[in-house]
Amino acid sequence: MIQGPAEGRIVLREGGFDGVKVFTATMFAERGVLGEKVTSWIAANPENQLTEIVVTQSSDASYHCVAISVFYRQASRKRAS
């Protein structure tokens, strides 16, 4: 696993991806359970091989948005050489 210092990025496997699932939340309560939603999705999709997870935060004077982008390869797909 490769992780840059304070980047909010974790690379789990080198070699690209063929799918991405993005989870977002702006409200306080939603942000509090965002990680649980990601964990549930990962558990419900064991055929996906995670390749990278990126956490992004953006905000303005009124709102804070957190996004967790999960990049993956589908194990059942044949990769082109």
C-alpha atoms as a PDB file:
ATOM      1  CA  MET A   1       0.000   0.000   0.000  1.00  0.00           C
ATOM      2  CA  ILE A   2       1.332   3.439  -0.952  1.00  0.00           C
ATOM      3  CA  GLN A   3       0.179   6.531   0.913  1.00  0.00           C
ATOM      4  CA  GLY A   4       1.383  10.083   0.441  1.00  0.00           C
ATOM      5  CA  PRO A   5       1.748  12.262   3.537  1.00  0.00           C
ATOM      6  CA  ALA A   6      -1.551  14.054   4.258  1.00  0.00           C
ATOM      7  CA  GLU A   7      -2.741  13.589   0.683  1.00  0.00           C
ATOM      8  CA  GLY A   8      -5.961  11.755   1.494  1.00  0.00           C
ATOM      9  CA  ARG A   9      -4.983   9.144  -1.087  1.00  0.00           C
ATOM     10  CA  ILE A  10      -4.297   5.452  -0.598  1.00  0.00           C
ATOM     11  CA  VAL A  11      -3.108   3.330  -3.531  1.00  0.00           C
ATOM     12  CA  LEU A  12      -3.865  -0.320  -2.840  1.00  0.00           C
ATOM     13  CA  ARG A  13      -2.731  -1.847  -6.157  1.00  0.00           C
ATOM     14  CA  GLU A  14      -0.822  -0.468  -9.098  1.00  0.00           C
ATOM     15  CA  GLY A  15      -2.194  -1.021 -12.576  1.00  0.00           C
ATOM     16  CA  GLY A  16      -5.264   1.122 -13.089  1.00  0.00           C
ATOM     17  CA  PHE A  17      -8.982   0.598 -12.672  1.00  0.00           C
ATOM     18  CA  ASP A  18     -12.124  -0.041 -14.699  1.00  0.00           C
ATOM     19  CA  GLY A  19     -14.711   1.347 -12.290  1.00  0.00           C
ATOM     20  CA  VAL A  20     -15.196   4.038  -9.673  1.00  0.00           C
ATOM     21  CA  LYS A  21     -17.813   4.530  -6.950  1.00  0.00           C
ATOM     22  CA  VAL A  22     -18.101   7.980  -5.369  1.00  0.00           C
ATOM     23  CA  PHE A  23     -19.682   8.604  -1.968  1.00  0.00           C
ATOM     24  CA  THR A  24     -20.433  12.200  -0.915  1.00  0.00           C
ATOM     25  CA  ALA A  25     -21.928  13.989   2.067  1.00  0.00           C
ATOM     26  CA  THR A  26     -22.462  17.624   2.996  1.00  0.00           C
ATOM     27  CA  MET A  27     -24.583  17.446   6.145  1.00  0.00           C
ATOM     28  CA  PHE A  28     -22.921  16.747   9.505  1.00  0.00           C
ATOM     29  CA  ALA A  29     -24.876  13.554  10.221  1.00  0.00           C
ATOM     30  CA  GLU A  30     -24.213  12.212   6.697  1.00  0.00           C
ATOM     31  CA  ARG A  31     -20.485  12.873   7.033  1.00  0.00           C
ATOM     32  CA  GLY A  32     -20.491  10.935  10.298  1.00  0.00           C
ATOM     33  CA  VAL A  33     -21.650   7.717   8.603  1.00  0.00           C
ATOM     34  CA  LEU A  34     -19.926   8.095   5.245  1.00  0.00           C
ATOM     35  CA  GLY A  35     -17.170   5.633   6.121  1.00  0.00           C
ATOM     36  CA  GLU A  36     -19.754   3.043   7.153  1.00  0.00           C
ATOM     37  CA  LYS A  37     -21.494   3.428   3.778  1.00  0.00           C
ATOM     38  CA  VAL A  38     -18.199   2.862   1.988  1.00  0.00           C
ATOM     39  CA  THR A  39     -17.413  -0.178   4.132  1.00  0.00           C
ATOM     40  CA  SER A  40     -20.884  -1.656   3.471  1.00  0.00           C
ATOM     41  CA  TRP A  41     -20.512  -1.161  -0.288  1.00  0.00           C
ATOM     42  CA  ILE A  42     -17.080  -2.815  -0.272  1.00  0.00           C
ATOM     43  CA  ALA A  43     -18.465  -5.780   1.706  1.00  0.00           C
ATOM     44  CA  ALA A  44     -21.423  -6.111  -0.684  1.00  0.00           C
ATOM     45  CA  ASN A  45     -19.124  -6.150  -3.741  1.00  0.00           C
ATOM     46  CA  PRO A  46     -16.341  -8.645  -2.913  1.00  0.00           C
ATOM     47  CA  GLU A  47     -15.685  -9.334  -6.608  1.00  0.00           C
ATOM     48  CA  ASN A  48     -14.171  -5.854  -6.964  1.00  0.00           C
ATOM     49  CA  GLN A  49     -10.428  -5.509  -6.410  1.00  0.00           C
ATOM     50  CA  LEU A  50      -9.834  -2.102  -4.850  1.00  0.00           C
ATOM     51  CA  THR A  51      -6.993  -0.170  -6.467  1.00  0.00           C
ATOM     52  CA  GLU A  52      -7.199   3.283  -4.894  1.00  0.00           C
ATOM     53  CA  ILE A  53      -9.217   5.325  -2.403  1.00  0.00           C
ATOM     54  CA  VAL A  54      -9.192   9.130  -2.503  1.00  0.00           C
ATOM     55  CA  VAL A  55     -10.725  11.326   0.205  1.00  0.00           C
ATOM     56  CA  THR A  56     -11.499  14.901  -0.807  1.00  0.00           C
ATOM     57  CA  GLN A  57     -12.886  17.773   1.240  1.00  0.00           C
ATOM     58  CA  SER A  58     -14.201  21.014  -0.152  1.00  0.00           C
ATOM     59  CA  SER A  59     -15.905  23.820   1.681  1.00  0.00           C
ATOM     60  CA  ASP A  60     -17.156  27.363   1.474  1.00  0.00           C
ATOM     61  CA  ALA A  61     -18.500  29.695   4.146  1.00  0.00           C
ATOM     62  CA  SER A  62     -21.624  27.574   4.711  1.00  0.00           C
ATOM     63  CA  TYR A  63     -21.029  23.989   3.624  1.00  0.00           C
ATOM     64  CA  HIS A  64     -18.402  21.300   3.943  1.00  0.00           C
ATOM     65  CA  CYS A  65     -18.453  18.422   1.501  1.00  0.00           C
ATOM     66  CA  VAL A  66     -16.534  15.179   1.906  1.00  0.00           C
ATOM     67  CA  ALA A  67     -16.146  12.784  -1.003  1.00  0.00           C
ATOM     68  CA  ILE A  68     -14.665   9.300  -0.878  1.00  0.00           C
ATOM     69  CA  SER A  69     -13.833   7.924  -4.331  1.00  0.00           C
ATOM     70  CA  VAL A  70     -13.226   4.173  -4.507  1.00  0.00           C
ATOM     71  CA  PHE A  71     -11.436   2.967  -7.640  1.00  0.00           C
ATOM     72  CA  TYR A  72     -11.576  -0.728  -8.466  1.00  0.00           C
ATOM     73  CA  ARG A  73     -11.024  -3.461 -11.027  1.00  0.00           C
ATOM     74  CA  GLN A  74     -13.730  -5.984 -11.681  1.00  0.00           C
ATOM     75  CA  ALA A  75     -12.165  -9.412 -11.255  1.00  0.00           C
ATOM     76  CA  SER A  76     -14.543 -10.982 -13.764  1.00  0.00           C
ATOM     77  CA  ARG A  77     -13.439  -8.703 -16.622  1.00  0.00           C
ATOM     78  CA  LYS A  78     -10.570  -9.813 -18.804  1.00  0.00           C
ATOM     79  CA  ARG A  79      -7.916  -7.132 -19.053  1.00  0.00           C
ATOM     80  CA  ALA A  80      -6.455  -6.250 -22.434  1.00  0.00           C
ATOM     81  CA  SER A  81      -2.700  -6.732 -22.658  1.00  0.00           C
END
